[in-house]
Amino acid sequence: RLAVDRRKLARRRLPHLGEDALSR
């Protein structure tokens, strides 16, 4: 449960980059 919570928190902190930003 602690690991899942940490993973969820890390995903919320990352901005959504989108296809254009990923290619850049």
mmCIF file of all heavy atoms, coordinates in Angstrom:
data_MODEL
# 
_entry.id   MODEL 
# 
loop_
_atom_site.group_PDB 
_atom_site.id 
_atom_site.type_symbol 
_atom_site.label_atom_id 
_atom_site.label_alt_id 
_atom_site.label_comp_id 
_atom_site.label_asym_id 
_atom_site.label_entity_id 
_atom_site.label_seq_id 
_atom_site.pdbx_PDB_ins_code 
_atom_site.Cartn_x 
_atom_site.Cartn_y 
_atom_site.Cartn_z 
_atom_site.occupancy 
_atom_site.B_iso_or_equiv 
_atom_site.pdbx_formal_charge 
_atom_site.auth_seq_id 
_atom_site.auth_comp_id 
_atom_site.auth_asym_id 
_atom_site.auth_atom_id 
_atom_site.pdbx_PDB_model_num 
ATOM 1   N N   . ARG A 1 1  ? 0.825  -1.215 0.000   1.00 0.00 ? 1  ARG A N   1 
ATOM 2   C CA  . ARG A 1 1  ? 0.000  0.000  0.000   1.00 0.00 ? 1  ARG A CA  1 
ATOM 3   C C   . ARG A 1 1  ? 0.857  1.261  0.000   1.00 0.00 ? 1  ARG A C   1 
ATOM 4   O O   . ARG A 1 1  ? 0.554  2.228  -0.701  1.00 0.00 ? 1  ARG A O   1 
ATOM 5   C CB  . ARG A 1 1  ? -0.951 -0.005 1.194   1.00 0.00 ? 1  ARG A CB  1 
ATOM 6   C CG  . ARG A 1 1  ? -2.180 -0.854 0.920   1.00 0.00 ? 1  ARG A CG  1 
ATOM 7   C CD  . ARG A 1 1  ? -3.178 -0.760 2.047   1.00 0.00 ? 1  ARG A CD  1 
ATOM 8   N NE  . ARG A 1 1  ? -2.909 -1.915 2.910   1.00 0.00 ? 1  ARG A NE  1 
ATOM 9   C CZ  . ARG A 1 1  ? -2.889 -1.894 4.221   1.00 0.00 ? 1  ARG A CZ  1 
ATOM 10  N NH1 . ARG A 1 1  ? -3.146 -0.797 4.875   1.00 0.00 ? 1  ARG A NH1 1 
ATOM 11  N NH2 . ARG A 1 1  ? -2.632 -2.978 4.909   1.00 0.00 ? 1  ARG A NH2 1 
ATOM 12  N N   . LEU A 1 2  ? 1.931  1.257  0.760   1.00 0.00 ? 2  LEU A N   1 
ATOM 13  C CA  . LEU A 1 2  ? 2.826  2.415  0.782   1.00 0.00 ? 2  LEU A CA  1 
ATOM 14  C C   . LEU A 1 2  ? 3.477  2.644  -0.581  1.00 0.00 ? 2  LEU A C   1 
ATOM 15  O O   . LEU A 1 2  ? 3.596  3.782  -1.043  1.00 0.00 ? 2  LEU A O   1 
ATOM 16  C CB  . LEU A 1 2  ? 3.903  2.235  1.851   1.00 0.00 ? 2  LEU A CB  1 
ATOM 17  C CG  . LEU A 1 2  ? 3.442  2.344  3.301   1.00 0.00 ? 2  LEU A CG  1 
ATOM 18  C CD1 . LEU A 1 2  ? 4.554  1.888  4.245   1.00 0.00 ? 2  LEU A CD1 1 
ATOM 19  C CD2 . LEU A 1 2  ? 3.010  3.768  3.621   1.00 0.00 ? 2  LEU A CD2 1 
ATOM 20  N N   . ALA A 1 3  ? 3.904  1.572  -1.230  1.00 0.00 ? 3  ALA A N   1 
ATOM 21  C CA  . ALA A 1 3  ? 4.540  1.692  -2.541  1.00 0.00 ? 3  ALA A CA  1 
ATOM 22  C C   . ALA A 1 3  ? 3.550  2.179  -3.594  1.00 0.00 ? 3  ALA A C   1 
ATOM 23  O O   . ALA A 1 3  ? 3.884  3.029  -4.428  1.00 0.00 ? 3  ALA A O   1 
ATOM 24  C CB  . ALA A 1 3  ? 5.150  0.354  -2.961  1.00 0.00 ? 3  ALA A CB  1 
ATOM 25  N N   . VAL A 1 4  ? 2.333  1.653  -3.573  1.00 0.00 ? 4  VAL A N   1 
ATOM 26  C CA  . VAL A 1 4  ? 1.312  2.102  -4.527  1.00 0.00 ? 4  VAL A CA  1 
ATOM 27  C C   . VAL A 1 4  ? 1.005  3.579  -4.310  1.00 0.00 ? 4  VAL A C   1 
ATOM 28  O O   . VAL A 1 4  ? 0.907  4.349  -5.268  1.00 0.00 ? 4  VAL A O   1 
ATOM 29  C CB  . VAL A 1 4  ? 0.036  1.234  -4.408  1.00 0.00 ? 4  VAL A CB  1 
ATOM 30  C CG1 . VAL A 1 4  ? -1.137 1.869  -5.146  1.00 0.00 ? 4  VAL A CG1 1 
ATOM 31  C CG2 . VAL A 1 4  ? 0.303  -0.164 -4.946  1.00 0.00 ? 4  VAL A CG2 1 
ATOM 32  N N   . ASP A 1 5  ? 0.877  3.987  -3.059  1.00 0.00 ? 5  ASP A N   1 
ATOM 33  C CA  . ASP A 1 5  ? 0.623  5.402  -2.767  1.00 0.00 ? 5  ASP A CA  1 
ATOM 34  C C   . ASP A 1 5  ? 1.764  6.287  -3.257  1.00 0.00 ? 5  ASP A C   1 
ATOM 35  O O   . ASP A 1 5  ? 1.539  7.356  -3.824  1.00 0.00 ? 5  ASP A O   1 
ATOM 36  C CB  . ASP A 1 5  ? 0.425  5.616  -1.264  1.00 0.00 ? 5  ASP A CB  1 
ATOM 37  C CG  . ASP A 1 5  ? -0.888 5.054  -0.756  1.00 0.00 ? 5  ASP A CG  1 
ATOM 38  O OD1 . ASP A 1 5  ? -1.768 4.701  -1.587  1.00 0.00 ? 5  ASP A OD1 1 
ATOM 39  O OD2 . ASP A 1 5  ? -1.041 4.944  0.480   1.00 0.00 ? 5  ASP A OD2 1 
ATOM 40  N N   . ARG A 1 6  ? 2.984  5.833  -3.065  1.00 0.00 ? 6  ARG A N   1 
ATOM 41  C CA  . ARG A 1 6  ? 4.146  6.612  -3.524  1.00 0.00 ? 6  ARG A CA  1 
ATOM 42  C C   . ARG A 1 6  ? 4.167  6.710  -5.040  1.00 0.00 ? 6  ARG A C   1 
ATOM 43  O O   . ARG A 1 6  ? 4.478  7.753  -5.602  1.00 0.00 ? 6  ARG A O   1 
ATOM 44  C CB  . ARG A 1 6  ? 5.434  5.979  -3.017  1.00 0.00 ? 6  ARG A CB  1 
ATOM 45  C CG  . ARG A 1 6  ? 6.667  6.807  -3.354  1.00 0.00 ? 6  ARG A CG  1 
ATOM 46  C CD  . ARG A 1 6  ? 7.886  6.198  -2.743  1.00 0.00 ? 6  ARG A CD  1 
ATOM 47  N NE  . ARG A 1 6  ? 7.907  6.462  -1.327  1.00 0.00 ? 6  ARG A NE  1 
ATOM 48  C CZ  . ARG A 1 6  ? 8.892  7.152  -0.722  1.00 0.00 ? 6  ARG A CZ  1 
ATOM 49  N NH1 . ARG A 1 6  ? 9.895  7.606  -1.415  1.00 0.00 ? 6  ARG A NH1 1 
ATOM 50  N NH2 . ARG A 1 6  ? 8.859  7.354  0.571   1.00 0.00 ? 6  ARG A NH2 1 
ATOM 51  N N   . ARG A 1 7  ? 3.842  5.612  -5.722  1.00 0.00 ? 7  ARG A N   1 
ATOM 52  C CA  . ARG A 1 7  ? 3.809  5.618  -7.184  1.00 0.00 ? 7  ARG A CA  1 
ATOM 53  C C   . ARG A 1 7  ? 2.733  6.572  -7.694  1.00 0.00 ? 7  ARG A C   1 
ATOM 54  O O   . ARG A 1 7  ? 2.959  7.335  -8.629  1.00 0.00 ? 7  ARG A O   1 
ATOM 55  C CB  . ARG A 1 7  ? 3.574  4.212  -7.720  1.00 0.00 ? 7  ARG A CB  1 
ATOM 56  C CG  . ARG A 1 7  ? 3.681  4.121  -9.238  1.00 0.00 ? 7  ARG A CG  1 
ATOM 57  C CD  . ARG A 1 7  ? 3.465  2.731  -9.727  1.00 0.00 ? 7  ARG A CD  1 
ATOM 58  N NE  . ARG A 1 7  ? 2.070  2.375  -9.444  1.00 0.00 ? 7  ARG A NE  1 
ATOM 59  C CZ  . ARG A 1 7  ? 1.567  1.175  -9.543  1.00 0.00 ? 7  ARG A CZ  1 
ATOM 60  N NH1 . ARG A 1 7  ? 2.335  0.166  -9.893  1.00 0.00 ? 7  ARG A NH1 1 
ATOM 61  N NH2 . ARG A 1 7  ? 0.310  0.927  -9.278  1.00 0.00 ? 7  ARG A NH2 1 
ATOM 62  N N   . LYS A 1 8  ? 1.559  6.550  -7.075  1.00 0.00 ? 8  LYS A N   1 
ATOM 63  C CA  . LYS A 1 8  ? 0.478  7.460  -7.471  1.00 0.00 ? 8  LYS A CA  1 
ATOM 64  C C   . LYS A 1 8  ? 0.891  8.912  -7.273  1.00 0.00 ? 8  LYS A C   1 
ATOM 65  O O   . LYS A 1 8  ? 0.623  9.760  -8.121  1.00 0.00 ? 8  LYS A O   1 
ATOM 66  C CB  . LYS A 1 8  ? -0.783 7.171  -6.659  1.00 0.00 ? 8  LYS A CB  1 
ATOM 67  C CG  . LYS A 1 8  ? -1.503 5.930  -7.068  1.00 0.00 ? 8  LYS A CG  1 
ATOM 68  C CD  . LYS A 1 8  ? -2.722 5.728  -6.182  1.00 0.00 ? 8  LYS A CD  1 
ATOM 69  C CE  . LYS A 1 8  ? -3.430 4.434  -6.484  1.00 0.00 ? 8  LYS A CE  1 
ATOM 70  N NZ  . LYS A 1 8  ? -4.575 4.214  -5.561  1.00 0.00 ? 8  LYS A NZ  1 
ATOM 71  N N   . LEU A 1 9  ? 1.539  9.205  -6.159  1.00 0.00 ? 9  LEU A N   1 
ATOM 72  C CA  . LEU A 1 9  ? 1.985  10.560 -5.875  1.00 0.00 ? 9  LEU A CA  1 
ATOM 73  C C   . LEU A 1 9  ? 3.008  11.018 -6.909  1.00 0.00 ? 9  LEU A C   1 
ATOM 74  O O   . LEU A 1 9  ? 2.948  12.144 -7.394  1.00 0.00 ? 9  LEU A O   1 
ATOM 75  C CB  . LEU A 1 9  ? 2.582  10.636 -4.470  1.00 0.00 ? 9  LEU A CB  1 
ATOM 76  C CG  . LEU A 1 9  ? 3.058  11.998 -4.006  1.00 0.00 ? 9  LEU A CG  1 
ATOM 77  C CD1 . LEU A 1 9  ? 1.895  12.985 -3.955  1.00 0.00 ? 9  LEU A CD1 1 
ATOM 78  C CD2 . LEU A 1 9  ? 3.721  11.885 -2.644  1.00 0.00 ? 9  LEU A CD2 1 
ATOM 79  N N   . ALA A 1 10 ? 3.918  10.144 -7.280  1.00 0.00 ? 10 ALA A N   1 
ATOM 80  C CA  . ALA A 1 10 ? 4.930  10.493 -8.281  1.00 0.00 ? 10 ALA A CA  1 
ATOM 81  C C   . ALA A 1 10 ? 4.284  10.773 -9.635  1.00 0.00 ? 10 ALA A C   1 
ATOM 82  O O   . ALA A 1 10 ? 4.696  11.686 -10.341 1.00 0.00 ? 10 ALA A O   1 
ATOM 83  C CB  . ALA A 1 10 ? 5.952  9.368  -8.410  1.00 0.00 ? 10 ALA A CB  1 
ATOM 84  N N   . ARG A 1 11 ? 3.274  10.019 -9.991  1.00 0.00 ? 11 ARG A N   1 
ATOM 85  C CA  . ARG A 1 11 ? 2.590  10.241 -11.263 1.00 0.00 ? 11 ARG A CA  1 
ATOM 86  C C   . ARG A 1 11 ? 1.852  11.568 -11.272 1.00 0.00 ? 11 ARG A C   1 
ATOM 87  O O   . ARG A 1 11 ? 1.778  12.229 -12.299 1.00 0.00 ? 11 ARG A O   1 
ATOM 88  C CB  . ARG A 1 11 ? 1.629  9.101  -11.567 1.00 0.00 ? 11 ARG A CB  1 
ATOM 89  C CG  . ARG A 1 11 ? 2.337  7.856  -11.996 1.00 0.00 ? 11 ARG A CG  1 
ATOM 90  C CD  . ARG A 1 11 ? 1.363  6.783  -12.372 1.00 0.00 ? 11 ARG A CD  1 
ATOM 91  N NE  . ARG A 1 11 ? 2.065  5.610  -12.829 1.00 0.00 ? 11 ARG A NE  1 
ATOM 92  C CZ  . ARG A 1 11 ? 1.501  4.444  -13.021 1.00 0.00 ? 11 ARG A CZ  1 
ATOM 93  N NH1 . ARG A 1 11 ? 0.214  4.293  -12.803 1.00 0.00 ? 11 ARG A NH1 1 
ATOM 94  N NH2 . ARG A 1 11 ? 2.215  3.422  -13.439 1.00 0.00 ? 11 ARG A NH2 1 
ATOM 95  N N   . ARG A 1 12 ? 1.290  11.963 -10.138 1.00 0.00 ? 12 ARG A N   1 
ATOM 96  C CA  . ARG A 1 12 ? 0.588  13.249 -10.066 1.00 0.00 ? 12 ARG A CA  1 
ATOM 97  C C   . ARG A 1 12 ? 1.551  14.415 -10.181 1.00 0.00 ? 12 ARG A C   1 
ATOM 98  O O   . ARG A 1 12 ? 1.186  15.473 -10.664 1.00 0.00 ? 12 ARG A O   1 
ATOM 99  C CB  . ARG A 1 12 ? -0.180 13.360 -8.752  1.00 0.00 ? 12 ARG A CB  1 
ATOM 100 C CG  . ARG A 1 12 ? -1.500 12.664 -8.809  1.00 0.00 ? 12 ARG A CG  1 
ATOM 101 C CD  . ARG A 1 12 ? -2.307 12.989 -7.567  1.00 0.00 ? 12 ARG A CD  1 
ATOM 102 N NE  . ARG A 1 12 ? -2.673 11.724 -6.974  1.00 0.00 ? 12 ARG A NE  1 
ATOM 103 C CZ  . ARG A 1 12 ? -2.574 11.415 -5.710  1.00 0.00 ? 12 ARG A CZ  1 
ATOM 104 N NH1 . ARG A 1 12 ? -2.153 12.298 -4.847  1.00 0.00 ? 12 ARG A NH1 1 
ATOM 105 N NH2 . ARG A 1 12 ? -2.922 10.241 -5.268  1.00 0.00 ? 12 ARG A NH2 1 
ATOM 106 N N   . ARG A 1 13 ? 2.781  14.231 -9.739  1.00 0.00 ? 13 ARG A N   1 
ATOM 107 C CA  . ARG A 1 13 ? 3.774  15.310 -9.782  1.00 0.00 ? 13 ARG A CA  1 
ATOM 108 C C   . ARG A 1 13 ? 4.321  15.531 -11.193 1.00 0.00 ? 13 ARG A C   1 
ATOM 109 O O   . ARG A 1 13 ? 4.797  16.609 -11.500 1.00 0.00 ? 13 ARG A O   1 
ATOM 110 C CB  . ARG A 1 13 ? 4.933  14.998 -8.855  1.00 0.00 ? 13 ARG A CB  1 
ATOM 111 C CG  . ARG A 1 13 ? 4.563  15.138 -7.414  1.00 0.00 ? 13 ARG A CG  1 
ATOM 112 C CD  . ARG A 1 13 ? 5.747  14.861 -6.552  1.00 0.00 ? 13 ARG A CD  1 
ATOM 113 N NE  . ARG A 1 13 ? 5.391  14.989 -5.152  1.00 0.00 ? 13 ARG A NE  1 
ATOM 114 C CZ  . ARG A 1 13 ? 6.104  14.517 -4.170  1.00 0.00 ? 13 ARG A CZ  1 
ATOM 115 N NH1 . ARG A 1 13 ? 7.225  13.874 -4.416  1.00 0.00 ? 13 ARG A NH1 1 
ATOM 116 N NH2 . ARG A 1 13 ? 5.715  14.669 -2.928  1.00 0.00 ? 13 ARG A NH2 1 
ATOM 117 N N   . LEU A 1 14 ? 4.278  14.507 -12.041 1.00 0.00 ? 14 LEU A N   1 
ATOM 118 C CA  . LEU A 1 14 ? 4.799  14.651 -13.399 1.00 0.00 ? 14 LEU A CA  1 
ATOM 119 C C   . LEU A 1 14 ? 3.776  15.361 -14.276 1.00 0.00 ? 14 LEU A C   1 
ATOM 120 O O   . LEU A 1 14 ? 2.622  14.982 -14.318 1.00 0.00 ? 14 LEU A O   1 
ATOM 121 C CB  . LEU A 1 14 ? 5.100  13.272 -14.009 1.00 0.00 ? 14 LEU A CB  1 
ATOM 122 C CG  . LEU A 1 14 ? 6.250  12.501 -13.389 1.00 0.00 ? 14 LEU A CG  1 
ATOM 123 C CD1 . LEU A 1 14 ? 6.351  11.117 -14.010 1.00 0.00 ? 14 LEU A CD1 1 
ATOM 124 C CD2 . LEU A 1 14 ? 7.554  13.242 -13.578 1.00 0.00 ? 14 LEU A CD2 1 
ATOM 125 N N   . PRO A 1 15 ? 4.199  16.376 -14.995 1.00 0.00 ? 15 PRO A N   1 
ATOM 126 C CA  . PRO A 1 15 ? 3.254  17.050 -15.885 1.00 0.00 ? 15 PRO A CA  1 
ATOM 127 C C   . PRO A 1 15 ? 2.942  16.164 -17.084 1.00 0.00 ? 15 PRO A C   1 
ATOM 128 O O   . PRO A 1 15 ? 3.751  15.334 -17.490 1.00 0.00 ? 15 PRO A O   1 
ATOM 129 C CB  . PRO A 1 15 ? 4.012  18.302 -16.315 1.00 0.00 ? 15 PRO A CB  1 
ATOM 130 C CG  . PRO A 1 15 ? 5.455  17.922 -16.206 1.00 0.00 ? 15 PRO A CG  1 
ATOM 131 C CD  . PRO A 1 15 ? 5.528  16.955 -15.053 1.00 0.00 ? 15 PRO A CD  1 
ATOM 132 N N   . HIS A 1 16 ? 1.771  16.342 -17.629 1.00 0.00 ? 16 HIS A N   1 
ATOM 133 C CA  . HIS A 1 16 ? 1.408  15.611 -18.840 1.00 0.00 ? 16 HIS A CA  1 
ATOM 134 C C   . HIS A 1 16 ? 2.134  16.276 -20.001 1.00 0.00 ? 16 HIS A C   1 
ATOM 135 O O   . HIS A 1 16 ? 1.907  17.443 -20.300 1.00 0.00 ? 16 HIS A O   1 
ATOM 136 C CB  . HIS A 1 16 ? -0.099 15.640 -19.054 1.00 0.00 ? 16 HIS A CB  1 
ATOM 137 C CG  . HIS A 1 16 ? -0.506 14.918 -20.296 1.00 0.00 ? 16 HIS A CG  1 
ATOM 138 N ND1 . HIS A 1 16 ? -0.368 13.564 -20.433 1.00 0.00 ? 16 HIS A ND1 1 
ATOM 139 C CD2 . HIS A 1 16 ? -1.004 15.381 -21.463 1.00 0.00 ? 16 HIS A CD2 1 
ATOM 140 C CE1 . HIS A 1 16 ? -0.787 13.204 -21.625 1.00 0.00 ? 16 HIS A CE1 1 
ATOM 141 N NE2 . HIS A 1 16 ? -1.178 14.283 -22.270 1.00 0.00 ? 16 HIS A NE2 1 
ATOM 142 N N   . LEU A 1 17 ? 3.017  15.556 -20.662 1.00 0.00 ? 17 LEU A N   1 
ATOM 143 C CA  . LEU A 1 17 ? 3.856  16.145 -21.699 1.00 0.00 ? 17 LEU A CA  1 
ATOM 144 C C   . LEU A 1 17 ? 3.209  16.134 -23.075 1.00 0.00 ? 17 LEU A C   1 
ATOM 145 O O   . LEU A 1 17 ? 3.399  17.052 -23.848 1.00 0.00 ? 17 LEU A O   1 
ATOM 146 C CB  . LEU A 1 17 ? 5.206  15.401 -21.758 1.00 0.00 ? 17 LEU A CB  1 
ATOM 147 C CG  . LEU A 1 17 ? 6.052  15.513 -20.498 1.00 0.00 ? 17 LEU A CG  1 
ATOM 148 C CD1 . LEU A 1 17 ? 7.284  14.656 -20.630 1.00 0.00 ? 17 LEU A CD1 1 
ATOM 149 C CD2 . LEU A 1 17 ? 6.413  16.948 -20.220 1.00 0.00 ? 17 LEU A CD2 1 
ATOM 150 N N   . GLY A 1 18 ? 2.492  15.120 -23.425 1.00 0.00 ? 18 GLY A N   1 
ATOM 151 C CA  . GLY A 1 18 ? 1.890  15.036 -24.751 1.00 0.00 ? 18 GLY A CA  1 
ATOM 152 C C   . GLY A 1 18 ? 2.888  14.565 -25.791 1.00 0.00 ? 18 GLY A C   1 
ATOM 153 O O   . GLY A 1 18 ? 4.091  14.492 -25.559 1.00 0.00 ? 18 GLY A O   1 
ATOM 154 N N   . GLU A 1 19 ? 2.376  14.243 -26.969 1.00 0.00 ? 19 GLU A N   1 
ATOM 155 C CA  . GLU A 1 19 ? 3.197  13.693 -28.051 1.00 0.00 ? 19 GLU A CA  1 
ATOM 156 C C   . GLU A 1 19 ? 4.267  14.668 -28.526 1.00 0.00 ? 19 GLU A C   1 
ATOM 157 O O   . GLU A 1 19 ? 5.401  14.284 -28.752 1.00 0.00 ? 19 GLU A O   1 
ATOM 158 C CB  . GLU A 1 19 ? 2.309  13.292 -29.229 1.00 0.00 ? 19 GLU A CB  1 
ATOM 159 C CG  . GLU A 1 19 ? 1.437  12.081 -28.962 1.00 0.00 ? 19 GLU A CG  1 
ATOM 160 C CD  . GLU A 1 19 ? 2.258  10.832 -28.768 1.00 0.00 ? 19 GLU A CD  1 
ATOM 161 O OE1 . GLU A 1 19 ? 3.270  10.647 -29.467 1.00 0.00 ? 19 GLU A OE1 1 
ATOM 162 O OE2 . GLU A 1 19 ? 1.883  10.033 -27.894 1.00 0.00 ? 19 GLU A OE2 1 
ATOM 163 N N   . ASP A 1 20 ? 3.922  15.949 -28.686 1.00 0.00 ? 20 ASP A N   1 
ATOM 164 C CA  . ASP A 1 20 ? 4.870  16.927 -29.204 1.00 0.00 ? 20 ASP A CA  1 
ATOM 165 C C   . ASP A 1 20 ? 6.058  17.083 -28.260 1.00 0.00 ? 20 ASP A C   1 
ATOM 166 O O   . ASP A 1 20 ? 7.210  17.093 -28.689 1.00 0.00 ? 20 ASP A O   1 
ATOM 167 C CB  . ASP A 1 20 ? 4.169  18.268 -29.426 1.00 0.00 ? 20 ASP A CB  1 
ATOM 168 C CG  . ASP A 1 20 ? 5.094  19.290 -30.065 1.00 0.00 ? 20 ASP A CG  1 
ATOM 169 O OD1 . ASP A 1 20 ? 5.749  18.940 -31.072 1.00 0.00 ? 20 ASP A OD1 1 
ATOM 170 O OD2 . ASP A 1 20 ? 5.169  20.416 -29.542 1.00 0.00 ? 20 ASP A OD2 1 
ATOM 171 N N   . ALA A 1 21 ? 5.782  17.203 -26.992 1.00 0.00 ? 21 ALA A N   1 
ATOM 172 C CA  . ALA A 1 21 ? 6.858  17.366 -26.019 1.00 0.00 ? 21 ALA A CA  1 
ATOM 173 C C   . ALA A 1 21 ? 7.715  16.108 -25.936 1.00 0.00 ? 21 ALA A C   1 
ATOM 174 O O   . ALA A 1 21 ? 8.933  16.192 -25.795 1.00 0.00 ? 21 ALA A O   1 
ATOM 175 C CB  . ALA A 1 21 ? 6.288  17.703 -24.651 1.00 0.00 ? 21 ALA A CB  1 
ATOM 176 N N   . LEU A 1 22 ? 7.095  14.944 -26.055 1.00 0.00 ? 22 LEU A N   1 
ATOM 177 C CA  . LEU A 1 22 ? 7.868  13.702 -26.017 1.00 0.00 ? 22 LEU A CA  1 
ATOM 178 C C   . LEU A 1 22 ? 8.813  13.601 -27.207 1.00 0.00 ? 22 LEU A C   1 
ATOM 179 O O   . LEU A 1 22 ? 9.944  13.155 -27.067 1.00 0.00 ? 22 LEU A O   1 
ATOM 180 C CB  . LEU A 1 22 ? 6.928  12.496 -25.964 1.00 0.00 ? 22 LEU A CB  1 
ATOM 181 C CG  . LEU A 1 22 ? 6.157  12.329 -24.659 1.00 0.00 ? 22 LEU A CG  1 
ATOM 182 C CD1 . LEU A 1 22 ? 5.171  11.171 -24.779 1.00 0.00 ? 22 LEU A CD1 1 
ATOM 183 C CD2 . LEU A 1 22 ? 7.091  12.107 -23.497 1.00 0.00 ? 22 LEU A CD2 1 
ATOM 184 N N   . SER A 1 23 ? 8.360  14.028 -28.374 1.00 0.00 ? 23 SER A N   1 
ATOM 185 C CA  . SER A 1 23 ? 9.246  13.980 -29.548 1.00 0.00 ? 23 SER A CA  1 
ATOM 186 C C   . SER A 1 23 ? 10.381 14.984 -29.398 1.00 0.00 ? 23 SER A C   1 
ATOM 187 O O   . SER A 1 23 ? 11.502 14.724 -29.819 1.00 0.00 ? 23 SER A O   1 
ATOM 188 C CB  . SER A 1 23 ? 8.463  14.224 -30.835 1.00 0.00 ? 23 SER A CB  1 
ATOM 189 O OG  . SER A 1 23 ? 7.929  15.531 -30.846 1.00 0.00 ? 23 SER A OG  1 
ATOM 190 N N   . ARG A 1 24 ? 10.120 16.133 -28.782 1.00 0.00 ? 24 ARG A N   1 
ATOM 191 C CA  . ARG A 1 24 ? 11.188 17.109 -28.548 1.00 0.00 ? 24 ARG A CA  1 
ATOM 192 C C   . ARG A 1 24 ? 12.180 16.588 -27.516 1.00 0.00 ? 24 ARG A C   1 
ATOM 193 O O   . ARG A 1 24 ? 13.367 16.873 -27.606 1.00 0.00 ? 24 ARG A O   1 
ATOM 194 C CB  . ARG A 1 24 ? 10.602 18.447 -28.092 1.00 0.00 ? 24 ARG A CB  1 
ATOM 195 C CG  . ARG A 1 24 ? 9.966  19.213 -29.255 1.00 0.00 ? 24 ARG A CG  1 
ATOM 196 C CD  . ARG A 1 24 ? 9.525  20.577 -28.825 1.00 0.00 ? 24 ARG A CD  1 
ATOM 197 N NE  . ARG A 1 24 ? 8.339  20.412 -27.985 1.00 0.00 ? 24 ARG A NE  1 
ATOM 198 C CZ  . ARG A 1 24 ? 7.939  21.299 -27.082 1.00 0.00 ? 24 ARG A CZ  1 
ATOM 199 N NH1 . ARG A 1 24 ? 8.627  22.387 -26.878 1.00 0.00 ? 24 ARG A NH1 1 
ATOM 200 N NH2 . ARG A 1 24 ? 6.857  21.097 -26.375 1.00 0.00 ? 24 ARG A NH2 1 
# 
